[in-house]
Protein backbone atom coordinates (compact mmCIF):
# COMPACT_ATOMS: atom_id res chain seq x y z
CA MET A 1 -182.69 -156.27 199.27
CA ALA A 2 -186.44 -155.29 198.39
CA THR A 3 -185.29 -151.53 197.58
CA VAL A 4 -182.87 -152.95 194.80
CA MET A 5 -185.36 -155.59 193.67
CA GLN A 6 -188.04 -152.55 193.44
CA LYS A 7 -185.41 -150.22 191.62
CA ILE A 8 -184.81 -153.04 188.97
CA LYS A 9 -188.51 -153.64 188.39
CA ASP A 10 -188.76 -149.87 187.91
CA ILE A 11 -186.33 -149.58 185.46
CA GLU A 12 -187.41 -152.67 183.52
CA ASP A 13 -191.00 -151.09 183.41
CA GLU A 14 -189.50 -148.01 182.21
CA MET A 15 -187.50 -149.89 179.46
CA ALA A 16 -190.80 -151.60 178.41
CA ARG A 17 -192.72 -148.38 178.02
CA THR A 18 -190.03 -146.61 176.28
CA GLN A 19 -190.10 -146.67 172.34
CA LYS A 20 -187.06 -147.73 170.53
CA ASN A 21 -185.83 -145.29 168.18
CA LYS A 22 -182.96 -143.03 167.52
CA ALA A 23 -184.13 -140.32 169.81
CA THR A 24 -184.42 -142.64 172.87
CA ALA A 25 -181.33 -144.89 172.35
CA HIS A 26 -179.27 -142.67 174.57
CA HIS A 27 -181.89 -142.92 177.24
CA LEU A 28 -182.34 -146.58 176.85
CA GLY A 29 -178.36 -147.05 177.07
CA LEU A 30 -178.43 -145.22 180.38
CA LEU A 31 -181.25 -147.54 181.87
CA LYS A 32 -179.40 -150.61 180.54
CA ALA A 33 -176.27 -149.35 182.37
CA LYS A 34 -178.32 -148.75 185.49
CA LEU A 35 -179.81 -152.14 185.22
CA ALA A 36 -176.46 -153.73 185.00
CA LYS A 37 -175.18 -152.07 188.04
CA LEU A 38 -178.31 -152.81 190.19
CA ARG A 39 -178.00 -156.68 189.12
CA ARG A 40 -174.22 -156.62 190.31
CA GLU A 41 -175.38 -155.27 193.75
CA LEU A 42 -177.96 -158.11 194.00
CA LEU A 43 -175.23 -160.81 193.01
CA ALA A 44 -172.54 -159.61 195.27
CA PRO A 45 -174.55 -158.34 198.37
CA SER A 46 -172.70 -156.90 201.65
CA SER A 47 -170.77 -159.58 203.36
CA LYS A 48 -172.69 -159.32 206.52
CA GLY A 49 -175.98 -160.25 205.38
CA ALA A 50 -175.11 -162.72 202.80
CA GLY A 51 -175.36 -166.41 203.79
CA GLY A 52 -172.89 -169.14 202.95
CA ALA A 53 -172.40 -170.74 199.62
CA GLY A 54 -175.11 -173.01 200.74
CA GLU A 55 -174.57 -176.84 201.75
CA GLY A 56 -173.47 -179.10 198.76
CA PHE A 57 -172.73 -176.35 196.28
CA ASP A 58 -169.11 -175.87 196.76
CA VAL A 59 -168.04 -178.85 194.53
CA THR A 60 -164.41 -179.08 193.89
CA LYS A 61 -163.38 -178.70 190.29
CA SER A 62 -161.85 -181.99 188.82
CA GLY A 63 -161.18 -183.62 185.69
CA ASP A 64 -160.35 -181.79 182.35
CA ALA A 65 -163.47 -179.92 181.91
CA ARG A 66 -167.01 -179.11 183.69
CA VAL A 67 -170.23 -179.65 182.15
CA GLY A 68 -173.29 -178.25 184.11
CA LEU A 69 -176.86 -179.31 183.57
CA VAL A 70 -179.44 -176.55 183.99
CA GLY A 71 -182.98 -176.68 184.01
CA PHE A 72 -186.38 -176.13 185.30
CA PRO A 73 -187.42 -178.67 187.99
CA SER A 74 -188.47 -182.29 186.89
CA VAL A 75 -187.25 -182.21 183.15
CA GLY A 76 -184.93 -185.20 183.68
CA LYS A 77 -181.57 -183.65 184.70
CA SER A 78 -180.97 -186.28 187.27
CA THR A 79 -182.11 -189.41 184.99
CA LEU A 80 -179.52 -187.97 182.41
CA LEU A 81 -176.90 -187.56 185.06
CA ASN A 82 -177.36 -191.30 186.18
CA LYS A 83 -177.39 -192.75 182.66
CA LEU A 84 -174.19 -190.81 181.58
CA THR A 85 -172.17 -191.33 184.56
CA GLY A 86 -173.51 -193.99 186.80
CA THR A 87 -173.61 -191.57 189.85
CA PHE A 88 -176.83 -191.92 191.79
CA SER A 89 -178.67 -188.56 191.94
CA GLU A 90 -182.21 -189.05 193.47
CA VAL A 91 -184.78 -189.48 190.65
CA ALA A 92 -188.65 -188.89 191.32
CA SER A 93 -191.63 -187.57 189.24
CA TYR A 94 -192.36 -184.72 191.61
CA GLU A 95 -190.46 -181.61 191.35
CA PHE A 96 -187.52 -180.35 193.31
CA THR A 97 -186.26 -183.97 194.17
CA THR A 98 -182.56 -182.48 193.70
CA LEU A 99 -181.59 -180.05 196.31
CA THR A 100 -177.87 -179.95 196.16
CA CYS A 101 -175.26 -179.93 193.51
CA ILE A 102 -174.49 -183.51 192.72
CA PRO A 103 -171.30 -184.37 190.72
CA GLY A 104 -170.52 -187.40 188.45
CA VAL A 105 -167.70 -188.22 186.09
CA ILE A 106 -167.73 -189.23 182.32
CA MET A 107 -164.58 -190.95 180.83
CA TYR A 108 -164.81 -189.99 177.06
CA ARG A 109 -162.21 -190.32 174.47
CA GLY A 110 -159.56 -190.30 177.24
CA ALA A 111 -160.69 -187.23 178.98
CA LYS A 112 -162.33 -186.94 182.36
CA LEU A 113 -165.27 -184.76 182.42
CA GLN A 114 -167.08 -183.54 185.37
CA LEU A 115 -170.76 -183.44 184.99
CA LEU A 116 -172.82 -181.32 187.57
CA ASP A 117 -176.43 -182.03 188.31
CA LEU A 118 -177.58 -178.60 189.48
CA PRO A 119 -181.20 -178.23 191.43
CA GLY A 120 -184.11 -177.20 189.24
CA ILE A 121 -184.14 -173.22 188.90
CA ILE A 122 -187.36 -171.30 189.29
CA GLU A 123 -188.18 -167.98 187.33
CA GLY A 124 -186.59 -165.30 189.24
CA ALA A 125 -183.46 -166.98 190.11
CA LYS A 126 -181.46 -164.00 189.09
CA ASP A 127 -183.10 -161.85 191.82
CA GLY A 128 -182.13 -164.28 194.44
CA LYS A 129 -185.31 -166.57 194.66
CA GLY A 130 -185.18 -170.12 195.63
CA ARG A 131 -181.49 -171.46 195.46
CA GLY A 132 -181.19 -169.80 191.99
CA ARG A 133 -178.16 -167.61 193.10
CA GLN A 134 -175.94 -170.66 194.17
CA VAL A 135 -177.19 -172.77 191.08
CA ILE A 136 -176.20 -170.05 188.59
CA SER A 137 -172.96 -169.02 190.29
CA THR A 138 -171.90 -172.74 190.12
CA ALA A 139 -172.88 -172.73 186.39
CA ARG A 140 -170.54 -169.87 185.70
CA THR A 141 -167.64 -172.00 186.49
CA CYS A 142 -168.56 -174.51 183.90
CA ASN A 143 -166.71 -175.05 180.52
CA CYS A 144 -170.33 -175.87 178.80
CA ILE A 145 -173.62 -175.58 179.82
CA LEU A 146 -176.50 -178.09 178.91
CA ILE A 147 -179.84 -176.46 179.16
CA VAL A 148 -182.26 -179.46 179.59
CA LEU A 149 -185.65 -179.04 178.23
CA ASP A 150 -188.77 -180.98 178.50
CA ALA A 151 -190.17 -181.86 174.91
CA ILE A 152 -193.67 -182.01 176.04
CA LYS A 153 -193.52 -178.41 177.87
CA PRO A 154 -193.36 -175.22 175.82
CA ILE A 155 -190.24 -173.80 174.19
CA THR A 156 -190.84 -170.66 176.51
CA HIS A 157 -188.89 -172.45 179.25
CA LYS A 158 -185.69 -172.06 176.98
CA ARG A 159 -186.40 -168.03 176.88
CA LEU A 160 -186.80 -168.18 180.73
CA ILE A 161 -183.54 -170.10 181.38
CA GLU A 162 -181.60 -167.78 179.02
CA LYS A 163 -182.87 -164.73 180.71
CA GLU A 164 -181.92 -165.98 184.11
CA LEU A 165 -178.38 -166.80 183.02
CA GLU A 166 -177.93 -163.63 181.07
CA GLY A 167 -179.06 -161.87 184.33
CA PHE A 168 -176.18 -163.51 186.02
CA GLY A 169 -173.48 -162.25 183.30
CA ILE A 170 -173.52 -165.60 181.47
CA ARG A 171 -173.39 -165.14 177.63
CA LEU A 172 -174.54 -168.34 175.93
CA ASN A 173 -172.83 -169.35 172.57
CA LYS A 174 -171.48 -165.72 171.96
CA GLU A 175 -168.02 -164.40 171.43
CA PRO A 176 -166.64 -161.57 173.78
CA PRO A 177 -167.54 -158.28 171.99
CA ASN A 178 -164.70 -156.93 169.44
CA LEU A 179 -164.46 -153.57 170.78
CA THR A 180 -161.80 -151.88 172.93
CA PHE A 181 -162.29 -149.87 175.98
CA ARG A 182 -159.58 -148.16 177.62
CA LYS A 183 -159.69 -145.63 180.63
CA LYS A 184 -157.35 -142.67 180.67
CA ASP A 185 -156.59 -139.61 182.96
CA LYS A 186 -157.72 -136.82 180.69
CA GLY A 187 -159.05 -136.06 177.10
CA GLY A 188 -162.88 -136.92 177.74
CA ILE A 189 -164.53 -139.63 176.01
CA ASN A 190 -163.05 -140.29 172.56
CA PHE A 191 -165.37 -142.53 170.43
CA THR A 192 -164.07 -144.27 166.99
CA SER A 193 -165.53 -146.86 164.71
CA THR A 194 -164.16 -148.77 161.70
CA VAL A 195 -167.75 -149.73 160.39
CA THR A 196 -171.28 -147.78 160.39
CA ASN A 197 -172.91 -147.77 163.85
CA THR A 198 -176.57 -148.05 163.86
CA GLN A 199 -177.09 -148.84 167.60
CA LEU A 200 -174.27 -146.78 169.36
CA ASP A 201 -173.48 -143.05 169.01
CA LEU A 202 -171.17 -140.68 170.99
CA GLU A 203 -174.02 -139.48 173.30
CA THR A 204 -175.21 -143.00 174.03
CA VAL A 205 -171.42 -144.14 174.91
CA LYS A 206 -171.20 -140.86 177.04
CA ALA A 207 -174.35 -141.57 179.05
CA ILE A 208 -173.31 -145.11 179.68
CA CYS A 209 -169.77 -144.20 180.80
CA SER A 210 -170.96 -141.23 183.03
CA GLU A 211 -173.35 -143.86 184.71
CA TYR A 212 -170.15 -145.81 185.69
CA ARG A 213 -168.51 -142.33 186.58
CA ILE A 214 -166.05 -142.73 183.74
CA HIS A 215 -165.36 -139.39 182.09
CA ASN A 216 -162.17 -140.03 180.21
CA ALA A 217 -161.70 -143.07 177.84
CA ASP A 218 -161.02 -144.36 174.59
CA VAL A 219 -163.79 -146.52 172.88
CA SER A 220 -163.26 -148.09 169.37
CA LEU A 221 -165.60 -150.46 167.89
CA ARG A 222 -164.75 -153.02 165.02
CA TYR A 223 -168.31 -153.99 164.34
CA ASP A 224 -171.76 -152.68 164.85
CA ALA A 225 -171.98 -153.03 168.71
CA THR A 226 -175.01 -152.59 170.71
CA ALA A 227 -175.25 -150.76 174.31
CA ASP A 228 -175.38 -154.11 175.93
CA ASP A 229 -172.09 -155.04 174.35
CA LEU A 230 -170.38 -152.04 175.68
CA ILE A 231 -171.93 -152.49 179.23
CA ASP A 232 -170.53 -155.94 179.12
CA VAL A 233 -167.08 -154.77 178.35
CA ILE A 234 -167.28 -151.90 181.23
CA GLU A 235 -168.59 -154.50 183.78
CA GLY A 236 -165.86 -156.88 182.89
CA SER A 237 -167.42 -159.81 184.84
CA ARG A 238 -169.11 -161.61 181.98
CA VAL A 239 -168.23 -165.13 181.00
CA TYR A 240 -168.83 -166.49 177.52
CA ILE A 241 -169.85 -170.24 177.61
CA PRO A 242 -170.86 -172.69 174.93
CA CYS A 243 -174.25 -174.18 175.53
CA ILE A 244 -176.17 -177.18 174.21
CA TYR A 245 -179.92 -177.27 174.30
CA VAL A 246 -180.78 -180.84 175.43
CA VAL A 247 -184.55 -181.64 174.59
CA ASN A 248 -185.30 -184.46 176.75
CA LYS A 249 -188.47 -187.10 176.84
CA ILE A 250 -188.72 -187.05 173.01
CA ASP A 251 -190.31 -190.41 173.21
CA GLN A 252 -193.61 -188.56 174.09
CA ILE A 253 -193.70 -186.23 171.02
CA THR A 254 -194.37 -187.14 167.27
CA LEU A 255 -192.00 -187.50 164.51
CA GLU A 256 -193.04 -184.19 162.77
CA GLU A 257 -192.32 -182.43 165.90
CA LEU A 258 -189.12 -184.00 166.41
CA GLU A 259 -188.00 -183.03 162.77
CA ILE A 260 -188.86 -179.48 163.54
CA LEU A 261 -186.55 -179.52 166.69
CA ASP A 262 -183.71 -180.84 164.82
CA LYS A 263 -183.62 -177.77 162.50
CA LEU A 264 -182.85 -175.54 165.47
CA PRO A 265 -179.30 -174.55 166.31
CA HIS A 266 -177.47 -176.09 169.14
CA TYR A 267 -180.10 -178.51 169.93
CA CYS A 268 -179.68 -182.18 170.75
CA PRO A 269 -182.65 -184.35 171.26
CA VAL A 270 -182.48 -187.24 173.68
CA SER A 271 -184.52 -189.45 175.91
CA ALA A 272 -182.78 -190.20 179.07
CA HIS A 273 -185.28 -192.83 180.55
CA LEU A 274 -184.82 -194.71 177.19
CA GLU A 275 -181.38 -194.04 176.59
CA TRP A 276 -181.82 -192.72 173.14
CA ASN A 277 -179.15 -190.49 171.45
CA LEU A 278 -176.90 -190.21 174.55
CA ASP A 279 -173.93 -190.94 172.36
CA GLY A 280 -174.91 -188.13 170.01
CA LEU A 281 -175.05 -185.96 173.06
CA LEU A 282 -171.70 -187.06 174.36
CA GLU A 283 -170.32 -186.31 170.92
CA LYS A 284 -171.78 -182.80 170.78
CA ILE A 285 -170.43 -181.92 174.35
CA TRP A 286 -166.97 -182.91 173.11
CA GLU A 287 -167.32 -180.69 170.00
CA TYR A 288 -168.40 -177.82 172.13
CA LEU A 289 -165.80 -178.22 174.82
CA ASP A 290 -163.26 -177.98 171.97
CA LEU A 291 -160.50 -179.98 173.66
CA VAL A 292 -157.21 -181.26 172.23
CA ARG A 293 -155.65 -184.71 173.20
CA ILE A 294 -151.90 -184.74 173.37
CA TYR A 295 -150.18 -188.31 173.89
CA THR A 296 -146.82 -188.51 175.53
CA LYS A 297 -143.86 -190.57 174.47
CA PRO A 298 -141.25 -191.58 177.01
CA LYS A 299 -137.66 -191.74 175.48
CA GLY A 300 -137.23 -195.23 173.94
CA LEU A 301 -140.69 -196.37 174.66
CA ASN A 302 -143.95 -196.63 172.46
CA PRO A 303 -146.46 -193.52 173.01
CA ASP A 304 -148.94 -193.89 175.85
CA TYR A 305 -152.28 -193.71 173.89
CA GLU A 306 -154.37 -194.72 177.28
CA ASP A 307 -153.90 -191.40 179.18
CA PRO A 308 -153.64 -188.38 177.10
CA VAL A 309 -153.04 -184.96 178.25
CA ILE A 310 -156.05 -182.66 177.63
CA LEU A 311 -155.62 -179.18 176.72
CA SER A 312 -158.05 -176.39 175.40
CA SER A 313 -157.89 -175.56 171.92
CA LYS A 314 -157.23 -171.80 172.80
CA ARG A 315 -154.17 -172.84 175.12
CA ARG A 316 -152.42 -175.59 173.21
CA THR A 317 -148.72 -174.66 172.95
CA ILE A 318 -145.84 -176.74 174.02
CA GLU A 319 -145.51 -174.51 177.12
CA ASP A 320 -149.12 -175.04 178.22
CA PHE A 321 -148.66 -178.79 177.64
CA CYS A 322 -145.41 -178.67 180.03
CA ASN A 323 -147.36 -176.62 182.62
CA ARG A 324 -149.99 -179.17 182.44
CA ILE A 325 -147.94 -181.94 183.47
CA HIS A 326 -145.69 -180.06 186.08
CA LYS A 327 -144.88 -176.45 186.54
CA ASP A 328 -141.09 -177.00 187.07
CA MET A 329 -140.89 -178.87 183.73
CA LEU A 330 -140.23 -175.53 181.61
CA LYS A 331 -137.10 -174.82 183.69
CA GLN A 332 -135.62 -178.18 182.50
CA PHE A 333 -136.90 -177.80 178.83
CA LYS A 334 -134.60 -178.00 176.21
CA TYR A 335 -136.82 -178.86 173.02
CA ALA A 336 -139.50 -181.23 172.16
CA LEU A 337 -140.17 -183.81 169.56
CA VAL A 338 -143.50 -183.91 167.86
CA TRP A 339 -145.25 -186.49 165.45
CA GLY A 340 -148.57 -185.51 164.08
CA SER A 341 -150.71 -183.25 162.15
CA SER A 342 -149.04 -180.04 163.30
CA VAL A 343 -145.73 -180.53 162.02
CA LYS A 344 -144.30 -181.23 158.49
CA HIS A 345 -141.65 -183.93 159.48
CA LYS A 346 -142.07 -187.00 161.72
CA PRO A 347 -140.74 -186.34 164.32
CA GLN A 348 -139.90 -182.71 164.22
CA ARG A 349 -137.85 -180.78 166.72
CA VAL A 350 -140.00 -177.64 168.02
CA GLY A 351 -139.61 -174.88 170.69
CA LYS A 352 -142.17 -173.97 173.40
CA GLU A 353 -144.28 -171.80 171.26
CA HIS A 354 -145.18 -174.43 168.89
CA GLU A 355 -149.09 -175.08 168.69
CA LEU A 356 -150.14 -178.67 168.93
CA GLU A 357 -152.96 -180.23 167.08
CA ASP A 358 -155.42 -183.00 168.41
CA GLU A 359 -153.84 -186.51 168.84
CA ASP A 360 -150.36 -185.31 168.50
CA VAL A 361 -147.53 -187.29 170.08
CA VAL A 362 -144.85 -185.28 172.12
CA GLN A 363 -141.57 -186.30 173.62
CA ILE A 364 -139.94 -183.58 175.81
CA ILE A 365 -136.02 -183.52 175.68
CA LYS A 366 -134.59 -181.97 178.93
CA LYS A 367 -131.52 -180.07 179.69
CA VAL A 368 -128.64 -182.35 180.78
């Protein structure tokens, strides 16, 4: 482990020493690719020496979405979990009170959201320090991450946590890079771009690909991508998760400081102890999760508005709806009747490719 750590440190030092300009771009790209490979080695060590997942970390995924609380020790994650879910997670004014992953459940707008209180991470978690590896590995499985920050501690904490999560292949509030990378059998590296590139050129792309022992590939860019974007696509193990920065303990700062915080993107100021703005936080979580509620209507009865079927806004066709209820439903599917904003007529007869909108009512008609 020490040798990998040493190699990572050496590369980071060399990157810090290297000036950023066109002449060094391909050298920096090579270093970034080496760094990404070493990080991957660090995350997935050989099975012989690796310990188990750690007691209390293998929490079963339940509910419609999973939200993780990540932050440094003693910023109020457990208090926030207790106030939002009513679950008891031990609270004390000293650091590292929570040592395992504690789940809680919020019922919000008919959806069941699982909230995970993860132990405080320390700087260097991405390099395996503390319980960091298990904490961030659990964070990778979440649909939304809440980074809890202390209003009275400096904002540098935000940078440190972002760096730890980035090191683990978690990209916050970002879209997957809009570039195509396809390996082939022969023909060398073919590099095309529909826009002017300021960051990547053929030399840099070749250097990065050769580091991964890829000598034949098609790379096409649709925007001004960086070397990091290309490495992310080649590695392929990146997760893109929406993130909200929850600034806790706002009762301890002035109104002027609060107004400055309010202008920052993806921020939500709260006071977990005094229960300030918790409903605002829940609304923001709902917005970032981007879920769609679909109500069912049995034949001859009124729609069931109490228990909606929750779908992701990226996968909200009638087919996804049927699979969510039961995997055998599609075999008997004839057509569906839909009431709501996704159709012109009320009701309208649709097939399984039809995309649903939030709060639509659906009745499935089966084959006889």
